[in-house]
N, C-alpha and C. Protein backbone atom coordinates (compact mmCIF):
# COMPACT_ATOMS: atom_id res chain seq x y z
N MET A 1 0.85 -1.17 0.00
CA MET A 1 0.00 0.00 0.00
C MET A 1 0.90 1.24 0.00
N ASN A 2 0.58 2.22 -0.88
CA ASN A 2 1.42 3.40 -0.94
C ASN A 2 1.12 4.38 0.21
N GLU A 3 1.97 5.37 0.33
CA GLU A 3 1.87 6.31 1.46
C GLU A 3 0.54 7.07 1.46
N ARG A 4 0.05 7.46 0.30
CA ARG A 4 -1.22 8.21 0.22
C ARG A 4 -2.38 7.35 0.74
N ASN A 5 -2.43 6.10 0.32
CA ASN A 5 -3.51 5.23 0.78
C ASN A 5 -3.42 4.98 2.28
N LYS A 6 -2.19 4.86 2.80
CA LYS A 6 -2.01 4.70 4.24
C LYS A 6 -2.53 5.93 4.98
N ASN A 7 -2.22 7.12 4.41
CA ASN A 7 -2.70 8.36 5.02
C ASN A 7 -4.23 8.40 5.03
N ILE A 8 -4.85 8.03 3.92
CA ILE A 8 -6.31 8.07 3.83
C ILE A 8 -6.93 7.13 4.86
N GLU A 9 -6.38 5.94 4.99
CA GLU A 9 -6.90 5.00 5.99
C GLU A 9 -6.75 5.56 7.40
N LEU A 10 -5.59 6.16 7.68
CA LEU A 10 -5.35 6.75 9.00
C LEU A 10 -6.31 7.91 9.25
N ILE A 11 -6.51 8.75 8.24
CA ILE A 11 -7.42 9.89 8.36
C ILE A 11 -8.85 9.40 8.61
N GLU A 12 -9.25 8.38 7.89
CA GLU A 12 -10.60 7.83 8.09
C GLU A 12 -10.77 7.29 9.51
N GLU A 13 -9.75 6.62 10.01
CA GLU A 13 -9.80 6.12 11.39
C GLU A 13 -9.96 7.29 12.36
N TYR A 14 -9.23 8.37 12.11
CA TYR A 14 -9.32 9.56 12.96
C TYR A 14 -10.72 10.17 12.89
N LEU A 15 -11.22 10.37 11.67
CA LEU A 15 -12.54 10.98 11.50
C LEU A 15 -13.66 10.12 12.08
N ASP A 16 -13.45 8.81 12.10
CA ASP A 16 -14.43 7.90 12.67
C ASP A 16 -14.33 7.80 14.19
N GLY A 17 -13.30 8.46 14.75
CA GLY A 17 -13.12 8.42 16.21
C GLY A 17 -12.50 7.12 16.70
N ASN A 18 -11.80 6.42 15.82
CA ASN A 18 -11.23 5.12 16.18
C ASN A 18 -9.80 5.20 16.68
N LEU A 19 -9.15 6.37 16.56
CA LEU A 19 -7.78 6.48 17.07
C LEU A 19 -7.82 6.78 18.56
N LYS A 20 -6.98 6.09 19.31
CA LYS A 20 -6.94 6.26 20.76
C LYS A 20 -5.49 6.36 21.23
N GLY A 21 -5.30 6.89 22.40
CA GLY A 21 -4.00 6.89 23.06
C GLY A 21 -2.89 7.50 22.24
N VAL A 22 -1.79 6.76 22.13
CA VAL A 22 -0.59 7.24 21.46
C VAL A 22 -0.86 7.53 19.98
N ALA A 23 -1.62 6.67 19.34
CA ALA A 23 -1.92 6.87 17.92
C ALA A 23 -2.66 8.19 17.70
N LEU A 24 -3.60 8.50 18.56
CA LEU A 24 -4.35 9.76 18.46
C LEU A 24 -3.42 10.95 18.70
N LYS A 25 -2.57 10.86 19.73
CA LYS A 25 -1.65 11.95 20.05
C LYS A 25 -0.68 12.19 18.89
N GLU A 26 -0.14 11.12 18.30
CA GLU A 26 0.78 11.25 17.16
C GLU A 26 0.07 11.88 15.96
N PHE A 27 -1.16 11.47 15.74
CA PHE A 27 -1.95 12.03 14.63
C PHE A 27 -2.14 13.53 14.83
N GLU A 28 -2.55 13.93 16.02
CA GLU A 28 -2.80 15.35 16.30
C GLU A 28 -1.54 16.18 16.17
N ILE A 29 -0.40 15.65 16.60
CA ILE A 29 0.88 16.36 16.45
C ILE A 29 1.19 16.53 14.97
N ARG A 30 1.04 15.45 14.20
CA ARG A 30 1.29 15.52 12.76
C ARG A 30 0.36 16.51 12.09
N LEU A 31 -0.87 16.55 12.53
CA LEU A 31 -1.87 17.45 11.97
C LEU A 31 -1.48 18.92 12.18
N THR A 32 -0.95 19.23 13.35
CA THR A 32 -0.58 20.62 13.64
C THR A 32 0.76 21.03 13.01
N LYS A 33 1.65 20.07 12.79
CA LYS A 33 2.99 20.40 12.30
C LYS A 33 3.16 20.23 10.79
N ASN A 34 2.28 19.49 10.16
CA ASN A 34 2.46 19.18 8.74
C ASN A 34 1.28 19.76 7.95
N LYS A 35 1.54 20.91 7.29
CA LYS A 35 0.46 21.60 6.56
C LYS A 35 -0.09 20.76 5.41
N SER A 36 0.77 20.03 4.75
CA SER A 36 0.32 19.18 3.64
C SER A 36 -0.62 18.08 4.15
N PHE A 37 -0.27 17.48 5.28
CA PHE A 37 -1.10 16.44 5.88
C PHE A 37 -2.43 17.05 6.35
N ALA A 38 -2.37 18.24 6.93
CA ALA A 38 -3.59 18.91 7.39
C ALA A 38 -4.54 19.17 6.21
N ARG A 39 -3.97 19.57 5.07
CA ARG A 39 -4.80 19.77 3.86
C ARG A 39 -5.41 18.45 3.40
N GLU A 40 -4.63 17.38 3.50
CA GLU A 40 -5.13 16.07 3.10
C GLU A 40 -6.30 15.65 4.02
N VAL A 41 -6.18 15.93 5.31
CA VAL A 41 -7.26 15.63 6.25
C VAL A 41 -8.50 16.41 5.86
N GLU A 42 -8.33 17.69 5.57
CA GLU A 42 -9.47 18.52 5.16
C GLU A 42 -10.10 18.01 3.86
N ASP A 43 -9.26 17.56 2.92
CA ASP A 43 -9.77 17.03 1.66
C ASP A 43 -10.62 15.78 1.88
N VAL A 44 -10.13 14.87 2.72
CA VAL A 44 -10.88 13.64 2.99
C VAL A 44 -12.18 13.98 3.71
N LYS A 45 -12.10 14.90 4.68
CA LYS A 45 -13.31 15.30 5.42
C LYS A 45 -14.32 15.94 4.47
N PHE A 46 -13.85 16.83 3.60
CA PHE A 46 -14.73 17.47 2.62
C PHE A 46 -15.38 16.44 1.71
N THR A 47 -14.59 15.47 1.25
CA THR A 47 -15.10 14.44 0.36
C THR A 47 -16.19 13.63 1.04
N ARG A 48 -15.92 13.21 2.27
CA ARG A 48 -16.92 12.43 3.01
C ARG A 48 -18.18 13.24 3.26
N ASP A 49 -18.01 14.49 3.68
CA ASP A 49 -19.17 15.34 3.94
C ASP A 49 -19.98 15.58 2.66
N SER A 50 -19.27 15.78 1.56
CA SER A 50 -19.95 16.03 0.28
C SER A 50 -20.73 14.81 -0.17
N ILE A 51 -20.13 13.65 -0.01
CA ILE A 51 -20.82 12.42 -0.40
C ILE A 51 -22.09 12.26 0.42
N ARG A 52 -21.98 12.53 1.70
CA ARG A 52 -23.18 12.41 2.55
C ARG A 52 -24.23 13.44 2.15
N ALA A 53 -23.79 14.65 1.83
CA ALA A 53 -24.74 15.72 1.51
C ALA A 53 -25.39 15.53 0.15
N PHE A 54 -24.64 15.11 -0.82
CA PHE A 54 -25.15 15.06 -2.18
C PHE A 54 -25.56 13.66 -2.63
N GLY A 55 -24.98 12.66 -2.04
CA GLY A 55 -25.14 11.32 -2.59
C GLY A 55 -24.13 11.15 -3.72
N ARG A 56 -23.82 9.94 -4.06
CA ARG A 56 -22.75 9.66 -5.01
C ARG A 56 -23.02 10.27 -6.38
N ALA A 57 -24.18 10.10 -6.94
CA ALA A 57 -24.45 10.59 -8.30
C ALA A 57 -24.36 12.11 -8.36
N GLU A 58 -24.97 12.77 -7.40
CA GLU A 58 -24.95 14.23 -7.38
C GLU A 58 -23.52 14.73 -7.17
N PHE A 59 -22.77 14.05 -6.31
CA PHE A 59 -21.39 14.44 -6.05
C PHE A 59 -20.54 14.32 -7.31
N LYS A 60 -20.74 13.23 -8.06
CA LYS A 60 -19.98 13.08 -9.31
C LYS A 60 -20.34 14.19 -10.30
N ARG A 61 -21.63 14.56 -10.36
CA ARG A 61 -22.02 15.66 -11.26
C ARG A 61 -21.34 16.96 -10.84
N GLU A 62 -21.28 17.21 -9.54
CA GLU A 62 -20.61 18.42 -9.05
C GLU A 62 -19.12 18.40 -9.40
N LEU A 63 -18.47 17.24 -9.25
CA LEU A 63 -17.06 17.12 -9.62
C LEU A 63 -16.87 17.38 -11.11
N ASP A 64 -17.78 16.87 -11.93
CA ASP A 64 -17.70 17.11 -13.37
C ASP A 64 -17.81 18.61 -13.67
N LYS A 65 -18.71 19.31 -12.99
CA LYS A 65 -18.86 20.75 -13.19
C LYS A 65 -17.56 21.47 -12.83
N ILE A 66 -17.00 21.10 -11.69
CA ILE A 66 -15.74 21.72 -11.24
C ILE A 66 -14.65 21.43 -12.26
N HIS A 67 -14.57 20.19 -12.69
CA HIS A 67 -13.55 19.79 -13.65
C HIS A 67 -13.67 20.61 -14.93
N LYS A 68 -14.89 20.76 -15.44
CA LYS A 68 -15.11 21.52 -16.68
C LYS A 68 -14.80 23.00 -16.49
N ALA A 69 -15.10 23.53 -15.32
CA ALA A 69 -14.84 24.95 -15.06
C ALA A 69 -13.35 25.24 -14.92
N VAL A 70 -12.63 24.32 -14.32
CA VAL A 70 -11.21 24.54 -14.05
C VAL A 70 -10.36 24.20 -15.26
N ILE A 71 -10.68 23.12 -15.92
CA ILE A 71 -9.86 22.65 -17.04
C ILE A 71 -10.59 22.94 -18.34
N LYS A 72 -10.17 24.01 -19.01
CA LYS A 72 -10.82 24.40 -20.26
C LYS A 72 -9.94 24.10 -21.47
N LYS A 73 -8.79 23.49 -21.22
CA LYS A 73 -7.90 23.11 -22.31
C LYS A 73 -7.87 21.59 -22.39
N PRO A 74 -7.31 21.06 -23.45
CA PRO A 74 -7.26 19.59 -23.56
C PRO A 74 -6.60 18.97 -22.32
N VAL A 75 -7.15 17.87 -21.91
CA VAL A 75 -6.68 17.20 -20.70
C VAL A 75 -5.57 16.23 -21.05
N LYS A 76 -4.46 16.32 -20.32
CA LYS A 76 -3.34 15.41 -20.53
C LYS A 76 -3.72 14.02 -20.02
N GLU A 77 -3.06 13.03 -20.56
CA GLU A 77 -3.36 11.64 -20.21
C GLU A 77 -3.15 11.37 -18.73
N GLU A 78 -2.11 11.97 -18.12
CA GLU A 78 -1.88 11.73 -16.69
C GLU A 78 -2.99 12.36 -15.83
N THR A 79 -3.59 13.45 -16.32
CA THR A 79 -4.71 14.06 -15.60
C THR A 79 -5.93 13.16 -15.66
N LYS A 80 -6.16 12.54 -16.82
CA LYS A 80 -7.28 11.61 -16.94
C LYS A 80 -7.10 10.44 -15.98
N SER A 81 -5.87 9.95 -15.90
CA SER A 81 -5.58 8.84 -14.99
C SER A 81 -5.81 9.25 -13.55
N LEU A 82 -5.38 10.46 -13.19
CA LEU A 82 -5.58 10.96 -11.83
C LEU A 82 -7.07 11.12 -11.54
N SER A 83 -7.83 11.63 -12.51
CA SER A 83 -9.27 11.79 -12.32
C SER A 83 -9.94 10.45 -12.07
N LYS A 84 -9.52 9.42 -12.80
CA LYS A 84 -10.08 8.08 -12.60
C LYS A 84 -9.74 7.57 -11.20
N LYS A 85 -8.53 7.86 -10.73
CA LYS A 85 -8.13 7.42 -9.39
C LYS A 85 -8.95 8.15 -8.33
N ILE A 86 -9.20 9.43 -8.55
CA ILE A 86 -9.99 10.21 -7.59
C ILE A 86 -11.42 9.66 -7.54
N ILE A 87 -12.00 9.41 -8.69
CA ILE A 87 -13.36 8.87 -8.74
C ILE A 87 -13.41 7.50 -8.07
N ALA A 88 -12.40 6.68 -8.30
CA ALA A 88 -12.34 5.36 -7.66
C ALA A 88 -12.25 5.52 -6.14
N ALA A 89 -11.45 6.49 -5.69
CA ALA A 89 -11.32 6.72 -4.24
C ALA A 89 -12.65 7.19 -3.66
N ILE A 90 -13.34 8.06 -4.38
CA ILE A 90 -14.64 8.54 -3.92
C ILE A 90 -15.63 7.38 -3.85
N ASP A 91 -15.61 6.53 -4.86
CA ASP A 91 -16.48 5.35 -4.83
C ASP A 91 -16.18 4.47 -3.62
N ASP A 92 -14.89 4.27 -3.35
CA ASP A 92 -14.50 3.46 -2.19
C ASP A 92 -15.00 4.07 -0.89
N ILE A 93 -14.81 5.39 -0.76
CA ILE A 93 -15.26 6.07 0.46
C ILE A 93 -16.78 5.98 0.57
N PHE A 94 -17.46 6.20 -0.54
CA PHE A 94 -18.92 6.14 -0.54
C PHE A 94 -19.40 4.76 -0.11
N GLU A 95 -18.82 3.72 -0.70
CA GLU A 95 -19.23 2.36 -0.36
C GLU A 95 -18.98 2.05 1.11
N LYS A 96 -17.90 2.62 1.65
CA LYS A 96 -17.54 2.34 3.04
C LYS A 96 -18.46 3.07 4.03
N PHE A 97 -18.88 4.29 3.68
CA PHE A 97 -19.56 5.12 4.67
C PHE A 97 -21.04 5.36 4.41
N PHE A 98 -21.52 5.17 3.20
CA PHE A 98 -22.91 5.50 2.92
C PHE A 98 -23.83 4.44 3.46
N GLU A 99 -24.81 4.87 4.19
CA GLU A 99 -25.88 3.99 4.65
C GLU A 99 -27.19 4.73 4.42
N PRO A 100 -28.10 4.14 3.65
CA PRO A 100 -29.36 4.84 3.41
C PRO A 100 -30.17 4.96 4.69
N TYR A 101 -30.95 6.01 4.75
CA TYR A 101 -31.85 6.19 5.88
C TYR A 101 -32.91 5.10 5.87
N GLU A 102 -33.37 4.77 7.04
CA GLU A 102 -34.47 3.82 7.11
C GLU A 102 -35.71 4.46 6.50
N ASP A 103 -36.59 3.64 5.98
CA ASP A 103 -37.85 4.13 5.43
C ASP A 103 -38.76 4.47 6.61
N LEU A 104 -38.79 5.74 6.97
CA LEU A 104 -39.56 6.18 8.12
C LEU A 104 -40.94 6.68 7.73
N VAL A 105 -41.22 6.72 6.43
CA VAL A 105 -42.50 7.24 5.96
C VAL A 105 -43.40 6.07 5.61
N THR A 106 -44.58 6.08 6.14
CA THR A 106 -45.58 5.06 5.84
C THR A 106 -46.49 5.60 4.76
N VAL A 107 -46.77 4.77 3.76
CA VAL A 107 -47.67 5.18 2.68
C VAL A 107 -49.07 5.29 3.27
N ARG A 108 -49.70 6.48 3.12
CA ARG A 108 -51.00 6.69 3.76
C ARG A 108 -52.11 7.01 2.78
N SER A 109 -52.01 8.14 2.10
CA SER A 109 -53.13 8.56 1.27
C SER A 109 -52.64 9.15 -0.03
N ASP A 110 -53.58 9.43 -0.93
CA ASP A 110 -53.23 10.02 -2.21
C ASP A 110 -52.74 11.45 -2.07
N LYS A 111 -53.02 12.08 -0.93
CA LYS A 111 -52.60 13.45 -0.70
C LYS A 111 -51.08 13.59 -0.85
N ASN A 112 -50.35 12.56 -0.42
CA ASN A 112 -48.89 12.57 -0.49
C ASN A 112 -48.38 11.57 -1.53
N GLU A 113 -49.08 11.47 -2.63
CA GLU A 113 -48.76 10.45 -3.62
C GLU A 113 -47.32 10.57 -4.12
N LEU A 114 -46.87 11.80 -4.44
CA LEU A 114 -45.50 11.96 -4.94
C LEU A 114 -44.48 11.59 -3.87
N ARG A 115 -44.72 12.01 -2.63
CA ARG A 115 -43.79 11.67 -1.56
C ARG A 115 -43.75 10.16 -1.35
N ASN A 116 -44.90 9.52 -1.41
CA ASN A 116 -44.95 8.06 -1.27
C ASN A 116 -44.15 7.39 -2.40
N GLN A 117 -44.33 7.91 -3.61
CA GLN A 117 -43.60 7.36 -4.75
C GLN A 117 -42.10 7.53 -4.54
N ALA A 118 -41.69 8.71 -4.11
CA ALA A 118 -40.26 8.97 -3.87
C ALA A 118 -39.71 8.04 -2.80
N MET A 119 -40.46 7.85 -1.72
CA MET A 119 -39.99 6.96 -0.65
C MET A 119 -39.94 5.50 -1.11
N GLN A 120 -40.86 5.12 -1.97
CA GLN A 120 -40.82 3.75 -2.50
C GLN A 120 -39.57 3.56 -3.36
N TYR A 121 -39.25 4.55 -4.19
CA TYR A 121 -38.01 4.48 -4.98
C TYR A 121 -36.81 4.38 -4.03
N TYR A 122 -36.80 5.25 -3.03
CA TYR A 122 -35.69 5.28 -2.09
C TYR A 122 -35.53 3.93 -1.38
N SER A 123 -36.63 3.40 -0.89
CA SER A 123 -36.59 2.13 -0.16
C SER A 123 -36.12 0.98 -1.04
N ALA A 124 -36.42 1.08 -2.33
CA ALA A 124 -36.00 0.03 -3.26
C ALA A 124 -34.57 0.23 -3.75
N GLY A 125 -33.92 1.31 -3.29
CA GLY A 125 -32.54 1.56 -3.71
C GLY A 125 -32.43 2.31 -5.02
N ASN A 126 -33.54 2.81 -5.54
CA ASN A 126 -33.53 3.59 -6.78
C ASN A 126 -33.37 5.07 -6.43
N TYR A 127 -32.16 5.42 -5.97
CA TYR A 127 -31.92 6.75 -5.42
C TYR A 127 -32.04 7.87 -6.46
N ASN A 128 -31.58 7.61 -7.67
CA ASN A 128 -31.68 8.66 -8.70
C ASN A 128 -33.14 9.01 -8.98
N GLU A 129 -34.00 7.98 -9.09
CA GLU A 129 -35.41 8.24 -9.32
C GLU A 129 -36.04 8.96 -8.13
N ALA A 130 -35.64 8.57 -6.92
CA ALA A 130 -36.17 9.23 -5.72
C ALA A 130 -35.80 10.71 -5.72
N VAL A 131 -34.57 11.02 -6.08
CA VAL A 131 -34.13 12.42 -6.11
C VAL A 131 -34.96 13.22 -7.11
N ILE A 132 -35.21 12.63 -8.26
CA ILE A 132 -36.00 13.32 -9.29
C ILE A 132 -37.39 13.67 -8.74
N VAL A 133 -38.03 12.72 -8.08
CA VAL A 133 -39.38 12.96 -7.54
C VAL A 133 -39.33 13.97 -6.40
N PHE A 134 -38.34 13.85 -5.51
CA PHE A 134 -38.23 14.83 -4.42
C PHE A 134 -38.02 16.24 -4.97
N LYS A 135 -37.21 16.38 -6.00
CA LYS A 135 -36.99 17.70 -6.61
C LYS A 135 -38.29 18.24 -7.21
N LYS A 136 -39.08 17.34 -7.82
CA LYS A 136 -40.37 17.76 -8.38
C LYS A 136 -41.28 18.27 -7.27
N ILE A 137 -41.29 17.56 -6.15
CA ILE A 137 -42.11 18.00 -5.00
C ILE A 137 -41.68 19.38 -4.55
N LEU A 138 -40.38 19.56 -4.39
CA LEU A 138 -39.86 20.86 -3.94
C LEU A 138 -40.19 21.97 -4.92
N LYS A 139 -40.14 21.66 -6.21
CA LYS A 139 -40.42 22.67 -7.23
C LYS A 139 -41.91 23.00 -7.30
N ASP A 140 -42.75 21.97 -7.31
CA ASP A 140 -44.19 22.15 -7.52
C ASP A 140 -44.92 22.65 -6.26
N LYS A 141 -44.53 22.11 -5.11
CA LYS A 141 -45.25 22.42 -3.86
C LYS A 141 -44.29 22.62 -2.70
N PRO A 142 -43.47 23.67 -2.77
CA PRO A 142 -42.46 23.84 -1.72
C PRO A 142 -43.05 24.06 -0.33
N LYS A 143 -44.26 24.58 -0.24
CA LYS A 143 -44.87 24.81 1.08
C LYS A 143 -45.46 23.54 1.69
N ASP A 144 -45.63 22.50 0.86
CA ASP A 144 -46.20 21.25 1.35
C ASP A 144 -45.15 20.31 1.96
N VAL A 145 -43.89 20.70 1.86
CA VAL A 145 -42.82 19.85 2.37
C VAL A 145 -42.69 20.07 3.88
N PRO A 146 -42.80 18.99 4.67
CA PRO A 146 -42.67 19.15 6.13
C PRO A 146 -41.25 19.60 6.50
N THR A 147 -41.15 20.37 7.57
CA THR A 147 -39.84 20.84 8.00
C THR A 147 -39.30 19.97 9.10
């Protein structure tokens, strides 16, 4: 395993609260003394938070937007390879940390037909379809969405 992957595993252990004792103390010292490592910790934290906030598909779309905005010239082959590695790392992090919410909504009446449909998609693991329906609800009836 290369140094970067070791760092990511260590950072994940830290963010999960699994580092204790000497390992935690060494991590915190490294975090305060090594600016590059501190940036890497922030990058992993941002990635995890973004995945949780957006979901994998939405997060990939956001990365594509950033990529297109930043890189407006032809992309070198090594950049393409790096992008694939980043996407693979994001997929790995997503698979490790993503857990769907329990289906807490009970299907009741036609009044909430769209919400019921969205929750059925969500419960079945059809997250992209669920997002589409939830967005439609927010667009069509934003005041009907419970807070």
